[in-house]
Amino acid sequence: MSLRFIGIDPSTGQGESPTVWVDESRGELVIQGWKPDAATEAECAGFEVPGHAVGIPEHEGVVRVPARMVPILREACEVAERSQLR
């Protein structure tokens, strides 16, 4: 795995650093963010999608990132898409 750093929260403070990378070999985004509070996690776990089990599988997690990181996430999406075209 080779991660490509895309960006960090532009308003990051001491000990808080939501960050985005792209794993170009797999075409995947890797996101570091804040752990959700119990209410957010419960709401996500109860969200129903037709054809899928309800809940968050043990091997998955939910993170929060600030909306100010949207440009960084867009860039990461573009990098991930380009890596799939190789």
N, C-alpha and C. Protein backbone atom coordinates (compact mmCIF):
# COMPACT_ATOMS: atom_id res chain seq x y z
N MET A 1 0.85 -1.17 0.00
CA MET A 1 0.00 0.00 0.00
C MET A 1 0.89 1.23 0.00
N SER A 2 0.57 2.16 -0.86
CA SER A 2 1.31 3.42 -0.88
C SER A 2 0.31 4.56 -0.80
N LEU A 3 0.29 5.21 0.33
CA LEU A 3 -0.65 6.31 0.52
C LEU A 3 -0.09 7.60 -0.03
N ARG A 4 -0.95 8.34 -0.69
CA ARG A 4 -0.59 9.67 -1.19
C ARG A 4 -1.33 10.69 -0.33
N PHE A 5 -0.59 11.53 0.38
CA PHE A 5 -1.19 12.57 1.21
C PHE A 5 -1.88 13.58 0.31
N ILE A 6 -3.15 13.89 0.63
CA ILE A 6 -3.90 14.87 -0.14
C ILE A 6 -4.04 16.17 0.64
N GLY A 7 -4.44 16.08 1.90
CA GLY A 7 -4.58 17.30 2.66
C GLY A 7 -5.04 17.07 4.08
N ILE A 8 -4.90 18.13 4.86
CA ILE A 8 -5.29 18.11 6.27
C ILE A 8 -6.24 19.28 6.50
N ASP A 9 -7.11 19.14 7.47
CA ASP A 9 -8.06 20.20 7.81
C ASP A 9 -7.32 21.53 7.91
N PRO A 10 -7.70 22.52 7.09
CA PRO A 10 -6.97 23.79 7.10
C PRO A 10 -7.09 24.56 8.42
N SER A 11 -8.03 24.18 9.25
CA SER A 11 -8.19 24.84 10.55
C SER A 11 -7.78 23.92 11.69
N THR A 12 -6.92 22.97 11.38
CA THR A 12 -6.53 21.98 12.38
C THR A 12 -5.86 22.65 13.58
N GLY A 13 -6.15 22.10 14.73
CA GLY A 13 -5.55 22.59 15.96
C GLY A 13 -4.67 21.53 16.57
N GLN A 14 -4.14 21.84 17.71
CA GLN A 14 -3.28 20.88 18.42
C GLN A 14 -4.09 19.64 18.77
N GLY A 15 -3.65 18.49 18.33
CA GLY A 15 -4.31 17.24 18.67
C GLY A 15 -5.55 16.93 17.82
N GLU A 16 -5.89 17.79 16.89
CA GLU A 16 -7.01 17.54 15.99
C GLU A 16 -6.52 17.69 14.57
N SER A 17 -6.59 16.61 13.82
CA SER A 17 -6.01 16.70 12.48
C SER A 17 -6.72 15.80 11.48
N PRO A 18 -8.01 16.05 11.20
CA PRO A 18 -8.64 15.28 10.13
C PRO A 18 -7.80 15.37 8.85
N THR A 19 -7.53 14.23 8.25
CA THR A 19 -6.59 14.13 7.14
C THR A 19 -7.15 13.20 6.08
N VAL A 20 -6.77 13.44 4.83
CA VAL A 20 -7.21 12.59 3.72
C VAL A 20 -5.99 12.13 2.93
N TRP A 21 -5.97 10.84 2.62
CA TRP A 21 -4.96 10.23 1.76
C TRP A 21 -5.70 9.45 0.68
N VAL A 22 -4.97 9.07 -0.36
CA VAL A 22 -5.50 8.14 -1.37
C VAL A 22 -4.52 6.98 -1.47
N ASP A 23 -5.07 5.78 -1.44
CA ASP A 23 -4.28 4.58 -1.73
C ASP A 23 -4.42 4.38 -3.23
N GLU A 24 -3.43 4.87 -3.98
CA GLU A 24 -3.52 4.83 -5.44
C GLU A 24 -3.50 3.41 -6.00
N SER A 25 -2.87 2.49 -5.30
CA SER A 25 -2.82 1.12 -5.81
C SER A 25 -4.19 0.44 -5.72
N ARG A 26 -5.03 0.90 -4.81
CA ARG A 26 -6.36 0.31 -4.65
C ARG A 26 -7.48 1.25 -5.09
N GLY A 27 -7.15 2.51 -5.39
CA GLY A 27 -8.17 3.47 -5.77
C GLY A 27 -9.14 3.76 -4.65
N GLU A 28 -8.61 3.88 -3.42
CA GLU A 28 -9.45 4.09 -2.25
C GLU A 28 -9.03 5.34 -1.48
N LEU A 29 -10.02 5.98 -0.86
CA LEU A 29 -9.74 7.11 0.02
C LEU A 29 -9.48 6.57 1.42
N VAL A 30 -8.55 7.18 2.11
CA VAL A 30 -8.28 6.86 3.51
C VAL A 30 -8.50 8.16 4.28
N ILE A 31 -9.45 8.14 5.21
CA ILE A 31 -9.86 9.36 5.89
C ILE A 31 -9.67 9.22 7.40
N GLN A 32 -9.01 10.20 7.96
CA GLN A 32 -8.88 10.29 9.42
C GLN A 32 -9.80 11.41 9.86
N GLY A 33 -10.63 11.14 10.83
CA GLY A 33 -11.55 12.16 11.31
C GLY A 33 -11.89 11.93 12.76
N TRP A 34 -12.86 12.68 13.23
CA TRP A 34 -13.29 12.55 14.62
C TRP A 34 -14.24 11.37 14.76
N LYS A 35 -14.13 10.67 15.87
CA LYS A 35 -15.09 9.60 16.17
C LYS A 35 -16.44 10.25 16.44
N PRO A 36 -17.51 9.64 15.95
CA PRO A 36 -18.82 10.23 16.16
C PRO A 36 -19.30 10.03 17.60
N ASP A 37 -20.24 10.88 18.01
CA ASP A 37 -20.85 10.66 19.31
C ASP A 37 -21.83 9.49 19.19
N ALA A 38 -22.32 9.02 20.30
CA ALA A 38 -23.18 7.83 20.31
C ALA A 38 -24.46 8.06 19.50
N ALA A 39 -25.02 9.26 19.56
CA ALA A 39 -26.25 9.54 18.82
C ALA A 39 -26.03 9.46 17.31
N THR A 40 -24.92 10.00 16.84
CA THR A 40 -24.62 9.96 15.41
C THR A 40 -24.39 8.52 14.96
N GLU A 41 -23.62 7.78 15.74
CA GLU A 41 -23.34 6.40 15.38
C GLU A 41 -24.62 5.57 15.36
N ALA A 42 -25.51 5.81 16.33
CA ALA A 42 -26.77 5.08 16.37
C ALA A 42 -27.64 5.43 15.16
N GLU A 43 -27.65 6.71 14.77
CA GLU A 43 -28.45 7.10 13.61
C GLU A 43 -27.91 6.45 12.34
N CYS A 44 -26.59 6.44 12.19
CA CYS A 44 -25.97 5.79 11.02
C CYS A 44 -26.27 4.29 11.02
N ALA A 45 -26.19 3.67 12.19
CA ALA A 45 -26.41 2.23 12.30
C ALA A 45 -27.85 1.86 11.99
N GLY A 46 -28.78 2.78 12.19
CA GLY A 46 -30.18 2.49 11.94
C GLY A 46 -30.65 2.87 10.55
N PHE A 47 -29.76 3.44 9.74
CA PHE A 47 -30.12 3.87 8.39
C PHE A 47 -30.36 2.65 7.52
N GLU A 48 -31.51 2.60 6.88
CA GLU A 48 -31.85 1.44 6.07
C GLU A 48 -31.60 1.70 4.59
N VAL A 49 -30.89 0.78 3.97
CA VAL A 49 -30.63 0.81 2.53
C VAL A 49 -31.18 -0.49 1.97
N PRO A 50 -32.09 -0.42 1.01
CA PRO A 50 -32.67 -1.65 0.47
C PRO A 50 -31.58 -2.63 0.00
N GLY A 51 -31.73 -3.86 0.42
CA GLY A 51 -30.81 -4.91 0.01
C GLY A 51 -29.56 -5.03 0.88
N HIS A 52 -29.47 -4.22 1.93
CA HIS A 52 -28.31 -4.27 2.82
C HIS A 52 -28.76 -4.46 4.26
N ALA A 53 -27.92 -5.11 5.03
CA ALA A 53 -28.21 -5.28 6.45
C ALA A 53 -28.15 -3.92 7.15
N VAL A 54 -28.96 -3.75 8.16
CA VAL A 54 -28.94 -2.52 8.95
C VAL A 54 -27.82 -2.64 9.98
N GLY A 55 -27.11 -1.58 10.19
CA GLY A 55 -26.05 -1.57 11.19
C GLY A 55 -24.69 -1.32 10.57
N ILE A 56 -23.72 -1.12 11.43
CA ILE A 56 -22.34 -0.90 11.01
C ILE A 56 -21.56 -2.17 11.33
N PRO A 57 -21.05 -2.86 10.30
CA PRO A 57 -20.30 -4.08 10.55
C PRO A 57 -19.08 -3.82 11.45
N GLU A 58 -18.68 -4.84 12.15
CA GLU A 58 -17.54 -4.73 13.07
C GLU A 58 -16.27 -4.23 12.39
N HIS A 59 -16.10 -4.55 11.11
CA HIS A 59 -14.88 -4.18 10.40
C HIS A 59 -14.97 -2.80 9.75
N GLU A 60 -16.04 -2.04 10.01
CA GLU A 60 -16.22 -0.72 9.44
C GLU A 60 -16.43 0.30 10.56
N GLY A 61 -16.28 1.57 10.22
CA GLY A 61 -16.48 2.62 11.21
C GLY A 61 -17.00 3.89 10.55
N VAL A 62 -17.47 4.79 11.36
CA VAL A 62 -17.98 6.08 10.92
C VAL A 62 -17.05 7.15 11.48
N VAL A 63 -16.68 8.12 10.66
CA VAL A 63 -15.88 9.26 11.13
C VAL A 63 -16.54 10.54 10.66
N ARG A 64 -16.23 11.62 11.34
CA ARG A 64 -16.72 12.94 10.95
C ARG A 64 -15.54 13.76 10.44
N VAL A 65 -15.78 14.52 9.37
CA VAL A 65 -14.80 15.49 8.89
C VAL A 65 -15.55 16.80 8.66
N PRO A 66 -14.90 17.94 8.85
CA PRO A 66 -15.59 19.21 8.68
C PRO A 66 -15.86 19.51 7.21
N ALA A 67 -16.96 20.21 6.96
CA ALA A 67 -17.34 20.58 5.60
C ALA A 67 -16.27 21.42 4.91
N ARG A 68 -15.47 22.14 5.69
CA ARG A 68 -14.41 22.96 5.08
C ARG A 68 -13.38 22.10 4.35
N MET A 69 -13.44 20.77 4.54
CA MET A 69 -12.52 19.87 3.86
C MET A 69 -13.06 19.37 2.53
N VAL A 70 -14.22 19.84 2.11
CA VAL A 70 -14.81 19.39 0.84
C VAL A 70 -13.84 19.53 -0.33
N PRO A 71 -13.12 20.65 -0.47
CA PRO A 71 -12.16 20.74 -1.59
C PRO A 71 -11.08 19.65 -1.52
N ILE A 72 -10.65 19.31 -0.33
CA ILE A 72 -9.63 18.27 -0.16
C ILE A 72 -10.23 16.91 -0.54
N LEU A 73 -11.46 16.67 -0.13
CA LEU A 73 -12.13 15.41 -0.48
C LEU A 73 -12.36 15.31 -1.99
N ARG A 74 -12.71 16.43 -2.63
CA ARG A 74 -12.88 16.42 -4.09
C ARG A 74 -11.57 16.04 -4.78
N GLU A 75 -10.49 16.66 -4.32
CA GLU A 75 -9.18 16.34 -4.90
C GLU A 75 -8.86 14.87 -4.72
N ALA A 76 -9.13 14.35 -3.52
CA ALA A 76 -8.86 12.93 -3.25
C ALA A 76 -9.70 12.04 -4.16
N CYS A 77 -10.95 12.41 -4.39
CA CYS A 77 -11.81 11.63 -5.29
C CYS A 77 -11.24 11.62 -6.71
N GLU A 78 -10.77 12.77 -7.17
CA GLU A 78 -10.20 12.84 -8.51
C GLU A 78 -8.94 11.99 -8.62
N VAL A 79 -8.08 12.04 -7.62
CA VAL A 79 -6.86 11.22 -7.62
C VAL A 79 -7.21 9.74 -7.63
N ALA A 80 -8.19 9.36 -6.81
CA ALA A 80 -8.61 7.95 -6.74
C ALA A 80 -9.17 7.49 -8.08
N GLU A 81 -9.98 8.35 -8.71
CA GLU A 81 -10.53 7.99 -10.02
C GLU A 81 -9.45 7.84 -11.06
N ARG A 82 -8.49 8.76 -11.07
CA ARG A 82 -7.39 8.66 -12.05
C ARG A 82 -6.58 7.40 -11.83
N SER A 83 -6.40 7.00 -10.59
CA SER A 83 -5.60 5.79 -10.33
C SER A 83 -6.29 4.54 -10.86
N GLN A 84 -7.60 4.57 -10.98
CA GLN A 84 -8.34 3.44 -11.54
C GLN A 84 -8.21 3.36 -13.05
N LEU A 85 -7.79 4.46 -13.68
CA LEU A 85 -7.69 4.49 -15.14
C LEU A 85 -6.33 3.99 -15.64
N ARG A 86 -5.42 3.71 -14.77
CA ARG A 86 -4.08 3.25 -15.18
C ARG A 86 -4.11 1.84 -15.71
